[in-house]
Amino acid sequence: MWVNAEPVPRFFPNAVALAHDDAALAEQRGAIDILLKSNLPGRWAVKDSFNTLDLSRRGFELLFDAQWIRQLPLLVARTSSGLAWERVKESESFPPTLFDDENFAMFAGRRDGAIVAGGTLYRAENVVGLSNAVAEPADSVAVFRDLASLAANTFPGLSLVGYESDNELKAAKGAGFELGDELRIWVRERE
């Protein structure tokens, strides 16, 4: 389990399950128990990557169910949404050192000068993770296609993976992403 015992940016979990065998599940529950005793302020979350942890008895509420998505490396990578895409170089919401990491890329899509879409990419081992994909509903399928193209141009030859739920999951599927296993996001509010 990956754990961050400090406050994290909005929409990011403090713990992420990385394995799902019996030994890993016991370790994950232990790590979560330690976090429960910590001084994490406010609301914090756990990403149950394999849908194997029931955290309701530990005071967590199910925030949402989701599904893993995957896009194989694109051979032709061109954006088609009509948005003007730019790689973000800094943001008040994230530590400045994140933008110095060659494996990290955040993109913003503009229409008439206003940001209307975006997403973050992170290269890890032999894949690129897609997270925080946002778009207006009418643009969502095209934005997922564009993010796949931006990932292919930024990190050539690597598959793109992430997870989505509800309308974003439908948009990813409409953009050609394969759907995978289910996962859950649990959240707890500090009392």
Protein backbone atom coordinates (compact mmCIF):
# COMPACT_ATOMS: atom_id res chain seq x y z
CA MET A 1 0.00 0.00 0.00
CA TRP A 2 1.19 3.48 -0.86
CA VAL A 3 0.50 5.83 2.08
CA ASN A 4 0.78 9.57 2.59
CA ALA A 5 0.18 10.55 6.22
CA GLU A 6 0.08 14.26 5.36
CA PRO A 7 -2.70 16.34 3.77
CA VAL A 8 -2.85 15.80 0.00
CA PRO A 9 -4.26 17.96 -2.83
CA ARG A 10 -8.03 17.86 -3.24
CA PHE A 11 -9.31 14.72 -5.00
CA PHE A 12 -6.19 12.67 -4.19
CA PRO A 13 -6.24 9.70 -1.77
CA ASN A 14 -3.99 9.30 1.26
CA ALA A 15 -3.64 5.56 0.71
CA VAL A 16 -3.70 3.36 -2.39
CA ALA A 17 -3.90 -0.44 -2.40
CA LEU A 18 -1.16 -1.89 -4.64
CA ALA A 19 -1.77 -5.63 -4.17
CA HIS A 20 -4.67 -7.86 -3.19
CA ASP A 21 -3.33 -11.14 -1.79
CA ASP A 22 -4.21 -12.11 1.81
CA ALA A 23 -0.92 -10.82 3.28
CA ALA A 24 -1.31 -7.49 1.45
CA LEU A 25 -4.90 -7.08 2.66
CA ALA A 26 -3.84 -7.57 6.29
CA GLU A 27 -1.00 -5.07 5.83
CA GLN A 28 -3.35 -2.57 4.19
CA ARG A 29 -5.86 -2.80 7.01
CA GLY A 30 -3.00 -2.22 9.49
CA ALA A 31 -1.80 0.84 7.57
CA ILE A 32 -5.33 2.24 7.48
CA ASP A 33 -5.66 1.67 11.23
CA ILE A 34 -2.46 3.68 11.76
CA LEU A 35 -3.84 6.49 9.58
CA LEU A 36 -7.08 6.42 11.60
CA LYS A 37 -5.04 7.14 14.74
CA SER A 38 -3.04 9.91 13.02
CA ASN A 39 -3.82 13.61 12.97
CA LEU A 40 -4.92 13.82 9.34
CA PRO A 41 -7.20 16.84 9.22
CA GLY A 42 -10.62 16.93 7.57
CA ARG A 43 -11.68 14.48 4.92
CA TRP A 44 -9.29 11.86 3.56
CA ALA A 45 -9.59 8.87 1.24
CA VAL A 46 -8.38 5.38 0.40
CA LYS A 47 -8.28 4.02 -3.15
CA ASP A 48 -9.16 0.31 -3.02
CA SER A 49 -7.56 -0.54 -6.36
CA PHE A 50 -8.88 -4.12 -6.42
CA ASN A 51 -12.31 -3.69 -4.79
CA THR A 52 -11.24 -6.03 -1.95
CA LEU A 53 -11.36 -3.81 1.17
CA ASP A 54 -14.61 -3.21 3.03
CA LEU A 55 -13.82 -0.14 5.09
CA SER A 56 -17.37 0.58 6.25
CA ARG A 57 -16.67 -0.96 9.68
CA ARG A 58 -13.73 1.42 10.07
CA GLY A 59 -15.98 4.46 9.70
CA PHE A 60 -15.47 5.06 5.97
CA GLU A 61 -18.22 5.84 3.51
CA LEU A 62 -18.12 4.64 -0.07
CA LEU A 63 -17.44 7.74 -2.15
CA PHE A 64 -17.85 5.98 -5.49
CA ASP A 65 -17.34 2.79 -7.46
CA ALA A 66 -15.21 3.06 -10.59
CA GLN A 67 -13.59 0.94 -13.27
CA TRP A 68 -10.05 0.80 -14.54
CA ILE A 69 -9.56 2.03 -18.11
CA ARG A 70 -6.74 1.38 -20.56
CA GLN A 71 -5.66 2.69 -23.94
CA LEU A 72 -2.93 0.91 -25.88
CA PRO A 73 -0.16 3.12 -27.31
CA LEU A 74 -1.43 5.19 -30.22
CA LEU A 75 0.40 5.01 -33.53
CA VAL A 76 -1.11 8.28 -34.77
CA ALA A 77 -1.52 10.85 -32.03
CA ARG A 78 -3.39 13.99 -33.05
CA THR A 79 -5.86 16.04 -31.04
CA SER A 80 -9.29 16.47 -32.60
CA SER A 81 -11.48 18.31 -30.08
CA GLY A 82 -10.70 21.76 -31.43
CA LEU A 83 -9.39 22.84 -28.03
CA ALA A 84 -6.06 24.64 -27.69
CA TRP A 85 -3.98 22.35 -25.45
CA GLU A 86 -1.02 23.52 -23.40
CA ARG A 87 1.21 21.80 -20.88
CA VAL A 88 0.76 23.46 -17.48
CA LYS A 89 4.07 24.65 -15.98
CA GLU A 90 2.88 25.61 -12.49
CA SER A 91 -0.21 25.59 -10.30
CA GLU A 92 -1.01 26.98 -6.84
CA SER A 93 -2.71 23.65 -5.96
CA PHE A 94 0.40 21.51 -6.44
CA PRO A 95 3.96 21.69 -5.11
CA PRO A 96 6.34 23.42 -7.57
CA THR A 97 8.72 20.44 -7.55
CA LEU A 98 6.01 18.30 -9.17
CA PHE A 99 6.38 20.30 -12.37
CA ASP A 100 10.14 19.65 -12.37
CA ASP A 101 9.48 15.89 -12.54
CA GLU A 102 10.02 14.73 -16.14
CA ASN A 103 7.49 11.93 -15.56
CA PHE A 104 4.65 14.36 -14.74
CA ALA A 105 2.58 16.34 -17.24
CA MET A 106 -0.57 18.35 -16.66
CA PHE A 107 -2.52 19.64 -19.65
CA ALA A 108 -5.19 22.34 -19.92
CA GLY A 109 -7.53 22.68 -22.90
CA ARG A 110 -8.79 26.16 -23.75
CA ARG A 111 -11.70 27.42 -25.79
CA ASP A 112 -11.86 31.16 -26.45
CA GLY A 113 -9.11 31.67 -23.85
CA ALA A 114 -10.97 29.92 -21.01
CA ILE A 115 -9.84 26.56 -19.59
CA VAL A 116 -12.66 24.07 -20.27
CA ALA A 117 -10.83 20.71 -20.00
CA GLY A 118 -7.74 19.10 -18.61
CA GLY A 119 -5.99 16.09 -17.21
CA THR A 120 -2.77 14.91 -15.59
CA LEU A 121 -0.38 12.23 -16.79
CA TYR A 122 2.31 10.41 -14.86
CA ARG A 123 4.80 7.93 -16.33
CA ALA A 124 5.53 5.05 -13.96
CA GLU A 125 7.43 1.96 -15.07
CA ASN A 126 5.93 0.90 -18.42
CA VAL A 127 2.63 2.82 -18.36
CA VAL A 128 1.29 6.33 -18.14
CA GLY A 129 -1.36 7.05 -15.51
CA LEU A 130 -4.21 9.36 -16.45
CA SER A 131 -5.98 11.17 -13.62
CA ASN A 132 -8.18 14.16 -12.99
CA ALA A 133 -9.58 14.21 -16.52
CA VAL A 134 -12.16 16.98 -16.71
CA ALA A 135 -14.33 18.21 -19.57
CA GLU A 136 -17.67 19.74 -20.32
CA PRO A 137 -20.16 16.93 -21.04
CA ALA A 138 -20.47 17.74 -24.76
CA ASP A 139 -16.66 17.56 -25.15
CA SER A 140 -15.91 14.59 -22.90
CA VAL A 141 -15.38 11.85 -25.53
CA ALA A 142 -13.18 14.15 -27.65
CA VAL A 143 -11.22 15.23 -24.55
CA PHE A 144 -10.45 11.61 -23.63
CA ARG A 145 -9.23 11.07 -27.21
CA ASP A 146 -7.11 14.22 -26.98
CA LEU A 147 -5.62 13.19 -23.62
CA ALA A 148 -4.67 9.81 -25.13
CA SER A 149 -2.97 11.67 -28.01
CA LEU A 150 -1.20 14.06 -25.62
CA ALA A 151 0.01 11.07 -23.59
CA ALA A 152 1.29 9.34 -26.74
CA ASN A 153 3.18 12.47 -27.82
CA THR A 154 4.58 13.16 -24.33
CA PHE A 155 5.44 9.56 -23.39
CA PRO A 156 5.65 7.64 -26.71
CA GLY A 157 5.03 3.91 -26.90
CA LEU A 158 3.38 3.49 -23.50
CA SER A 159 -0.13 2.33 -22.64
CA LEU A 160 -2.38 4.78 -20.81
CA VAL A 161 -4.22 3.63 -17.67
CA GLY A 162 -6.57 5.26 -15.20
CA TYR A 163 -9.96 4.84 -13.64
CA GLU A 164 -13.28 6.56 -14.12
CA SER A 165 -16.92 6.29 -13.07
CA ASP A 166 -20.34 7.35 -14.32
CA ASN A 167 -20.34 9.76 -17.29
CA GLU A 168 -16.54 9.93 -17.47
CA LEU A 169 -16.41 6.12 -17.75
CA LYS A 170 -18.89 6.27 -20.64
CA ALA A 171 -16.81 9.00 -22.30
CA ALA A 172 -13.59 6.99 -21.94
CA LYS A 173 -15.31 3.97 -23.47
CA GLY A 174 -16.64 6.16 -26.29
CA ALA A 175 -13.08 7.38 -26.90
CA GLY A 176 -11.84 3.82 -27.38
CA PHE A 177 -10.51 3.00 -23.92
CA GLU A 178 -10.86 -0.62 -22.77
CA LEU A 179 -12.75 -1.14 -19.53
CA GLY A 180 -11.17 -3.25 -16.80
CA ASP A 181 -11.86 -4.40 -13.25
CA GLU A 182 -13.79 -2.47 -10.65
CA LEU A 183 -12.30 -0.46 -7.81
CA ARG A 184 -13.66 1.64 -4.96
CA ILE A 185 -12.83 4.97 -3.36
CA TRP A 186 -13.56 5.21 0.35
CA VAL A 187 -13.67 8.47 2.30
CA ARG A 188 -13.65 9.36 5.99
CA GLU A 189 -14.24 12.65 7.75
CA ARG A 190 -12.17 13.49 10.83
CA GLU A 191 -14.55 13.75 13.79
